[in-house]
Amino acid sequence: MRKTLEDLYYGNIIPNEQQMTPGSELKRAVDRVAKYEKQLMEQLEETEQETGGMFDASSLRTSKRTRRWN
């Protein structure tokens, strides 16, 4: 138990980390979103990337909702 607490304290364990089943519908959807987000960010100019922070916040909200599905 001490080892577990130490790992948690030092950040070796992330309690809210979500594990997805490889090949599941959710995993494929998350991979697609990540791919399209990367493509979008590559297309944006440097000044437009500042507003990209809003996209990051909205995808964080979305990921919190999808936790319930897995």
PDB file of N, CA and C in Angstrom:
ATOM      1  N   MET A   1       0.833  -1.188   0.000  1.00  0.00           N
ATOM      2  CA  MET A   1       0.000   0.000   0.000  1.00  0.00           C
ATOM      3  C   MET A   1       0.875   1.249   0.000  1.00  0.00           C
ATOM      4  N   ARG A   2       1.995   1.191   0.718  1.00  0.00           N
ATOM      5  CA  ARG A   2       2.886   2.347   0.756  1.00  0.00           C
ATOM      6  C   ARG A   2       3.407   2.677  -0.645  1.00  0.00           C
ATOM      7  N   LYS A   3       3.749   1.652  -1.411  1.00  0.00           N
ATOM      8  CA  LYS A   3       4.252   1.841  -2.768  1.00  0.00           C
ATOM      9  C   LYS A   3       3.194   2.520  -3.631  1.00  0.00           C
ATOM     10  N   THR A   4       1.964   2.099  -3.480  1.00  0.00           N
ATOM     11  CA  THR A   4       0.870   2.692  -4.253  1.00  0.00           C
ATOM     12  C   THR A   4       0.701   4.163  -3.907  1.00  0.00           C
ATOM     13  N   LEU A   5       0.748   4.478  -2.620  1.00  0.00           N
ATOM     14  CA  LEU A   5       0.622   5.876  -2.195  1.00  0.00           C
ATOM     15  C   LEU A   5       1.793   6.717  -2.694  1.00  0.00           C
ATOM     16  N   GLU A   6       2.992   6.158  -2.654  1.00  0.00           N
ATOM     17  CA  GLU A   6       4.160   6.882  -3.166  1.00  0.00           C
ATOM     18  C   GLU A   6       4.037   7.121  -4.669  1.00  0.00           C
ATOM     19  N   ASP A   7       3.595   6.107  -5.403  1.00  0.00           N
ATOM     20  CA  ASP A   7       3.408   6.268  -6.844  1.00  0.00           C
ATOM     21  C   ASP A   7       2.382   7.347  -7.143  1.00  0.00           C
ATOM     22  N   LEU A   8       1.314   7.361  -6.390  1.00  0.00           N
ATOM     23  CA  LEU A   8       0.278   8.369  -6.561  1.00  0.00           C
ATOM     24  C   LEU A   8       0.838   9.758  -6.265  1.00  0.00           C
ATOM     25  N   TYR A   9       1.583   9.890  -5.172  1.00  0.00           N
ATOM     26  CA  TYR A   9       2.154  11.166  -4.761  1.00  0.00           C
ATOM     27  C   TYR A   9       3.128  11.701  -5.809  1.00  0.00           C
ATOM     28  N   TYR A  10       3.975  10.845  -6.341  1.00  0.00           N
ATOM     29  CA  TYR A  10       4.992  11.266  -7.295  1.00  0.00           C
ATOM     30  C   TYR A  10       4.493  11.319  -8.736  1.00  0.00           C
ATOM     31  N   GLY A  11       3.224  11.067  -8.941  1.00  0.00           N
ATOM     32  CA  GLY A  11       2.637  11.203 -10.270  1.00  0.00           C
ATOM     33  C   GLY A  11       2.829  10.011 -11.179  1.00  0.00           C
ATOM     34  N   ASN A  12       3.252   8.890 -10.630  1.00  0.00           N
ATOM     35  CA  ASN A  12       3.415   7.689 -11.442  1.00  0.00           C
ATOM     36  C   ASN A  12       2.078   7.011 -11.729  1.00  0.00           C
ATOM     37  N   ILE A  13       1.070   7.354 -10.959  1.00  0.00           N
ATOM     38  CA  ILE A  13      -0.293   6.855 -11.152  1.00  0.00           C
ATOM     39  C   ILE A  13      -1.177   8.065 -11.365  1.00  0.00           C
ATOM     40  N   ILE A  14      -1.985   8.017 -12.390  1.00  0.00           N
ATOM     41  CA  ILE A  14      -2.917   9.107 -12.658  1.00  0.00           C
ATOM     42  C   ILE A  14      -4.320   8.560 -12.415  1.00  0.00           C
ATOM     43  N   PRO A  15      -4.943   8.953 -11.298  1.00  0.00           N
ATOM     44  CA  PRO A  15      -6.223   8.333 -10.923  1.00  0.00           C
ATOM     45  C   PRO A  15      -7.369   8.609 -11.881  1.00  0.00           C
ATOM     46  N   ASN A  16      -7.318   9.713 -12.604  1.00  0.00           N
ATOM     47  CA  ASN A  16      -8.422  10.018 -13.510  1.00  0.00           C
ATOM     48  C   ASN A  16      -8.120   9.627 -14.945  1.00  0.00           C
ATOM     49  N   GLU A  17      -7.047   8.908 -15.166  1.00  0.00           N
ATOM     50  CA  GLU A  17      -6.698   8.465 -16.511  1.00  0.00           C
ATOM     51  C   GLU A  17      -7.747   7.470 -17.012  1.00  0.00           C
ATOM     52  N   GLN A  18      -8.147   7.659 -18.245  1.00  0.00           N
ATOM     53  CA  GLN A  18      -9.186   6.811 -18.813  1.00  0.00           C
ATOM     54  C   GLN A  18      -8.555   5.766 -19.726  1.00  0.00           C
ATOM     55  N   GLN A  19      -8.848   4.526 -19.487  1.00  0.00           N
ATOM     56  CA  GLN A  19      -8.374   3.449 -20.342  1.00  0.00           C
ATOM     57  C   GLN A  19      -9.475   3.098 -21.330  1.00  0.00           C
ATOM     58  N   MET A  20      -9.087   3.026 -22.604  1.00  0.00           N
ATOM     59  CA  MET A  20     -10.054   2.665 -23.637  1.00  0.00           C
ATOM     60  C   MET A  20      -9.659   1.321 -24.237  1.00  0.00           C
ATOM     61  N   THR A  21     -10.654   0.554 -24.545  1.00  0.00           N
ATOM     62  CA  THR A  21     -10.418  -0.744 -25.173  1.00  0.00           C
ATOM     63  C   THR A  21      -9.920  -0.520 -26.593  1.00  0.00           C
ATOM     64  N   PRO A  22      -8.741  -1.070 -26.930  1.00  0.00           N
ATOM     65  CA  PRO A  22      -8.240  -0.917 -28.297  1.00  0.00           C
ATOM     66  C   PRO A  22      -9.236  -1.477 -29.307  1.00  0.00           C
ATOM     67  N   GLY A  23      -9.472  -0.710 -30.367  1.00  0.00           N
ATOM     68  CA  GLY A  23     -10.389  -1.159 -31.401  1.00  0.00           C
ATOM     69  C   GLY A  23     -11.856  -0.867 -31.125  1.00  0.00           C
ATOM     70  N   SER A  24     -12.163  -0.322 -29.940  1.00  0.00           N
ATOM     71  CA  SER A  24     -13.568  -0.024 -29.632  1.00  0.00           C
ATOM     72  C   SER A  24     -14.031   1.191 -30.441  1.00  0.00           C
ATOM     73  N   GLU A  25     -15.320   1.351 -30.522  1.00  0.00           N
ATOM     74  CA  GLU A  25     -15.886   2.477 -31.254  1.00  0.00           C
ATOM     75  C   GLU A  25     -15.435   3.799 -30.643  1.00  0.00           C
ATOM     76  N   LEU A  26     -15.403   3.876 -29.319  1.00  0.00           N
ATOM     77  CA  LEU A  26     -14.964   5.094 -28.641  1.00  0.00           C
ATOM     78  C   LEU A  26     -13.507   5.402 -28.970  1.00  0.00           C
ATOM     79  N   LYS A  27     -12.647   4.400 -28.936  1.00  0.00           N
ATOM     80  CA  LYS A  27     -11.229   4.603 -29.225  1.00  0.00           C
ATOM     81  C   LYS A  27     -11.042   5.100 -30.655  1.00  0.00           C
ATOM     82  N   ARG A  28     -11.765   4.517 -31.602  1.00  0.00           N
ATOM     83  CA  ARG A  28     -11.663   4.959 -32.992  1.00  0.00           C
ATOM     84  C   ARG A  28     -12.139   6.404 -33.140  1.00  0.00           C
ATOM     85  N   ALA A  29     -13.216   6.759 -32.449  1.00  0.00           N
ATOM     86  CA  ALA A  29     -13.742   8.123 -32.513  1.00  0.00           C
ATOM     87  C   ALA A  29     -12.743   9.119 -31.914  1.00  0.00           C
ATOM     88  N   VAL A  30     -12.161   8.780 -30.784  1.00  0.00           N
ATOM     89  CA  VAL A  30     -11.180   9.652 -30.144  1.00  0.00           C
ATOM     90  C   VAL A  30      -9.959   9.818 -31.046  1.00  0.00           C
ATOM     91  N   ASP A  31      -9.520   8.743 -31.679  1.00  0.00           N
ATOM     92  CA  ASP A  31      -8.392   8.818 -32.608  1.00  0.00           C
ATOM     93  C   ASP A  31      -8.698   9.726 -33.795  1.00  0.00           C
ATOM     94  N   ARG A  32      -9.933   9.638 -34.318  1.00  0.00           N
ATOM     95  CA  ARG A  32     -10.321  10.508 -35.433  1.00  0.00           C
ATOM     96  C   ARG A  32     -10.319  11.968 -35.012  1.00  0.00           C
ATOM     97  N   VAL A  33     -10.855  12.257 -33.832  1.00  0.00           N
ATOM     98  CA  VAL A  33     -10.886  13.633 -33.334  1.00  0.00           C
ATOM     99  C   VAL A  33      -9.460  14.161 -33.185  1.00  0.00           C
ATOM    100  N   ALA A  34      -8.569  13.362 -32.630  1.00  0.00           N
ATOM    101  CA  ALA A  34      -7.179  13.779 -32.457  1.00  0.00           C
ATOM    102  C   ALA A  34      -6.522  14.046 -33.810  1.00  0.00           C
ATOM    103  N   LYS A  35      -6.799  13.196 -34.784  1.00  0.00           N
ATOM    104  CA  LYS A  35      -6.231  13.356 -36.129  1.00  0.00           C
ATOM    105  C   LYS A  35      -6.715  14.658 -36.766  1.00  0.00           C
ATOM    106  N   TYR A  36      -8.019  14.923 -36.679  1.00  0.00           N
ATOM    107  CA  TYR A  36      -8.569  16.128 -37.289  1.00  0.00           C
ATOM    108  C   TYR A  36      -8.135  17.385 -36.545  1.00  0.00           C
ATOM    109  N   GLU A  37      -8.000  17.288 -35.233  1.00  0.00           N
ATOM    110  CA  GLU A  37      -7.511  18.431 -34.470  1.00  0.00           C
ATOM    111  C   GLU A  37      -6.075  18.766 -34.887  1.00  0.00           C
ATOM    112  N   LYS A  38      -5.253  17.756 -35.069  1.00  0.00           N
ATOM    113  CA  LYS A  38      -3.871  17.973 -35.495  1.00  0.00           C
ATOM    114  C   LYS A  38      -3.834  18.625 -36.870  1.00  0.00           C
ATOM    115  N   GLN A  39      -4.658  18.119 -37.794  1.00  0.00           N
ATOM    116  CA  GLN A  39      -4.709  18.699 -39.132  1.00  0.00           C
ATOM    117  C   GLN A  39      -5.158  20.158 -39.084  1.00  0.00           C
ATOM    118  N   LEU A  40      -6.158  20.454 -38.261  1.00  0.00           N
ATOM    119  CA  LEU A  40      -6.660  21.815 -38.134  1.00  0.00           C
ATOM    120  C   LEU A  40      -5.587  22.745 -37.591  1.00  0.00           C
ATOM    121  N   MET A  41      -4.912  22.313 -36.538  1.00  0.00           N
ATOM    122  CA  MET A  41      -3.891  23.153 -35.928  1.00  0.00           C
ATOM    123  C   MET A  41      -2.724  23.398 -36.880  1.00  0.00           C
ATOM    124  N   GLU A  42      -2.411  22.440 -37.726  1.00  0.00           N
ATOM    125  CA  GLU A  42      -1.350  22.629 -38.720  1.00  0.00           C
ATOM    126  C   GLU A  42      -1.745  23.660 -39.765  1.00  0.00           C
ATOM    127  N   GLN A  43      -3.032  23.756 -40.056  1.00  0.00           N
ATOM    128  CA  GLN A  43      -3.503  24.690 -41.071  1.00  0.00           C
ATOM    129  C   GLN A  43      -3.648  26.112 -40.546  1.00  0.00           C
ATOM    130  N   LEU A  44      -3.810  26.246 -39.268  1.00  0.00           N
ATOM    131  CA  LEU A  44      -4.002  27.579 -38.703  1.00  0.00           C
ATOM    132  C   LEU A  44      -2.689  28.361 -38.701  1.00  0.00           C
ATOM    133  N   GLU A  45      -2.787  29.600 -38.927  1.00  0.00           N
ATOM    134  CA  GLU A  45      -1.609  30.442 -38.810  1.00  0.00           C
ATOM    135  C   GLU A  45      -1.329  30.699 -37.335  1.00  0.00           C
ATOM    136  N   GLU A  46      -0.152  31.196 -37.051  1.00  0.00           N
ATOM    137  CA  GLU A  46       0.266  31.391 -35.659  1.00  0.00           C
ATOM    138  C   GLU A  46      -0.710  32.281 -34.891  1.00  0.00           C
ATOM    139  N   THR A  47      -1.204  33.332 -35.490  1.00  0.00           N
ATOM    140  CA  THR A  47      -2.139  34.218 -34.787  1.00  0.00           C
ATOM    141  C   THR A  47      -3.465  33.529 -34.509  1.00  0.00           C
ATOM    142  N   GLU A  48      -3.876  32.635 -35.394  1.00  0.00           N
ATOM    143  CA  GLU A  48      -5.130  31.921 -35.201  1.00  0.00           C
ATOM    144  C   GLU A  48      -5.005  30.851 -34.133  1.00  0.00           C
ATOM    145  N   GLN A  49      -3.801  30.386 -33.863  1.00  0.00           N
ATOM    146  CA  GLN A  49      -3.610  29.346 -32.859  1.00  0.00           C
ATOM    147  C   GLN A  49      -3.955  29.840 -31.459  1.00  0.00           C
ATOM    148  N   GLU A  50      -3.851  31.142 -31.249  1.00  0.00           N
ATOM    149  CA  GLU A  50      -4.225  31.688 -29.940  1.00  0.00           C
ATOM    150  C   GLU A  50      -5.695  31.418 -29.644  1.00  0.00           C
ATOM    151  N   THR A  51      -6.550  31.520 -30.633  1.00  0.00           N
ATOM    152  CA  THR A  51      -7.971  31.234 -30.422  1.00  0.00           C
ATOM    153  C   THR A  51      -8.217  29.736 -30.387  1.00  0.00           C
ATOM    154  N   GLY A  52      -7.226  28.939 -30.774  1.00  0.00           N
ATOM    155  CA  GLY A  52      -7.341  27.488 -30.702  1.00  0.00           C
ATOM    156  C   GLY A  52      -7.488  27.003 -29.281  1.00  0.00           C
ATOM    157  N   GLY A  53      -7.099  27.810 -28.301  1.00  0.00           N
ATOM    158  CA  GLY A  53      -7.278  27.446 -26.902  1.00  0.00           C
ATOM    159  C   GLY A  53      -8.731  27.197 -26.557  1.00  0.00           C
ATOM    160  N   MET A  54      -9.624  27.913 -27.244  1.00  0.00           N
ATOM    161  CA  MET A  54     -11.054  27.685 -27.012  1.00  0.00           C
ATOM    162  C   MET A  54     -11.438  26.293 -27.484  1.00  0.00           C
ATOM    163  N   PHE A  55     -10.838  25.852 -28.595  1.00  0.00           N
ATOM    164  CA  PHE A  55     -11.107  24.505 -29.097  1.00  0.00           C
ATOM    165  C   PHE A  55     -10.634  23.467 -28.093  1.00  0.00           C
ATOM    166  N   ASP A  56      -9.459  23.692 -27.500  1.00  0.00           N
ATOM    167  CA  ASP A  56      -8.938  22.761 -26.505  1.00  0.00           C
ATOM    168  C   ASP A  56      -9.879  22.647 -25.314  1.00  0.00           C
ATOM    169  N   ALA A  57     -10.413  23.777 -24.864  1.00  0.00           N
ATOM    170  CA  ALA A  57     -11.318  23.761 -23.716  1.00  0.00           C
ATOM    171  C   ALA A  57     -12.596  23.005 -24.059  1.00  0.00           C
ATOM    172  N   SER A  58     -13.108  23.204 -25.273  1.00  0.00           N
ATOM    173  CA  SER A  58     -14.346  22.510 -25.641  1.00  0.00           C
ATOM    174  C   SER A  58     -14.098  21.016 -25.797  1.00  0.00           C
ATOM    175  N   SER A  59     -12.916  20.626 -26.296  1.00  0.00           N
ATOM    176  CA  SER A  59     -12.663  19.196 -26.421  1.00  0.00           C
ATOM    177  C   SER A  59     -12.450  18.569 -25.054  1.00  0.00           C
ATOM    178  N   LEU A  60     -11.960  19.343 -24.087  1.00  0.00           N
ATOM    179  CA  LEU A  60     -11.838  18.837 -22.719  1.00  0.00           C
ATOM    180  C   LEU A  60     -13.224  18.553 -22.147  1.00  0.00           C
ATOM    181  N   ARG A  61     -14.161  19.445 -22.377  1.00  0.00           N
ATOM    182  CA  ARG A  61     -15.530  19.214 -21.909  1.00  0.00           C
ATOM    183  C   ARG A  61     -16.104  17.974 -22.571  1.00  0.00           C
ATOM    184  N   THR A  62     -15.837  17.803 -23.860  1.00  0.00           N
ATOM    185  CA  THR A  62     -16.330  16.638 -24.590  1.00  0.00           C
ATOM    186  C   THR A  62     -15.735  15.363 -24.023  1.00  0.00           C
ATOM    187  N   SER A  63     -14.432  15.380 -23.718  1.00  0.00           N
ATOM    188  CA  SER A  63     -13.806  14.169 -23.197  1.00  0.00           C
ATOM    189  C   SER A  63     -14.383  13.804 -21.832  1.00  0.00           C
ATOM    190  N   LYS A  64     -14.774  14.796 -21.038  1.00  0.00           N
ATOM    191  CA  LYS A  64     -15.395  14.502 -19.750  1.00  0.00           C
ATOM    192  C   LYS A  64     -16.738  13.809 -19.954  1.00  0.00           C
ATOM    193  N   ARG A  65     -17.455  14.212 -21.004  1.00  0.00           N
ATOM    194  CA  ARG A  65     -18.753  13.574 -21.277  1.00  0.00           C
ATOM    195  C   ARG A  65     -18.572  12.153 -21.762  1.00  0.00           C
ATOM    196  N   THR A  66     -17.549  11.911 -22.577  1.00  0.00           N
ATOM    197  CA  THR A  66     -17.372  10.575 -23.141  1.00  0.00           C
ATOM    198  C   THR A  66     -16.893   9.564 -22.112  1.00  0.00           C
ATOM    199  N   ARG A  67     -16.376  10.024 -20.996  1.00  0.00           N
ATOM    200  CA  ARG A  67     -15.945   9.096 -19.943  1.00  0.00           C
ATOM    201  C   ARG A  67     -17.084   8.187 -19.504  1.00  0.00           C
ATOM    202  N   ARG A  68     -18.295   8.736 -19.534  1.00  0.00           N
ATOM    203  CA  ARG A  68     -19.448   7.951 -19.103  1.00  0.00           C
ATOM    204  C   ARG A  68     -19.756   6.821 -20.069  1.00  0.00           C
ATOM    205  N   TRP A  69     -19.333   6.934 -21.329  1.00  0.00           N
ATOM    206  CA  TRP A  69     -19.662   5.947 -22.338  1.00  0.00           C
ATOM    207  C   TRP A  69     -18.775   4.733 -22.275  1.00  0.00           C
ATOM    208  N   ASN A  70     -17.606   4.854 -21.693  1.00  0.00           N
ATOM    209  CA  ASN A  70     -16.651   3.737 -21.712  1.00  0.00           C
ATOM    210  C   ASN A  70     -16.758   2.934 -20.447  1.00  0.00           C
TER     211      ASN A  70
END
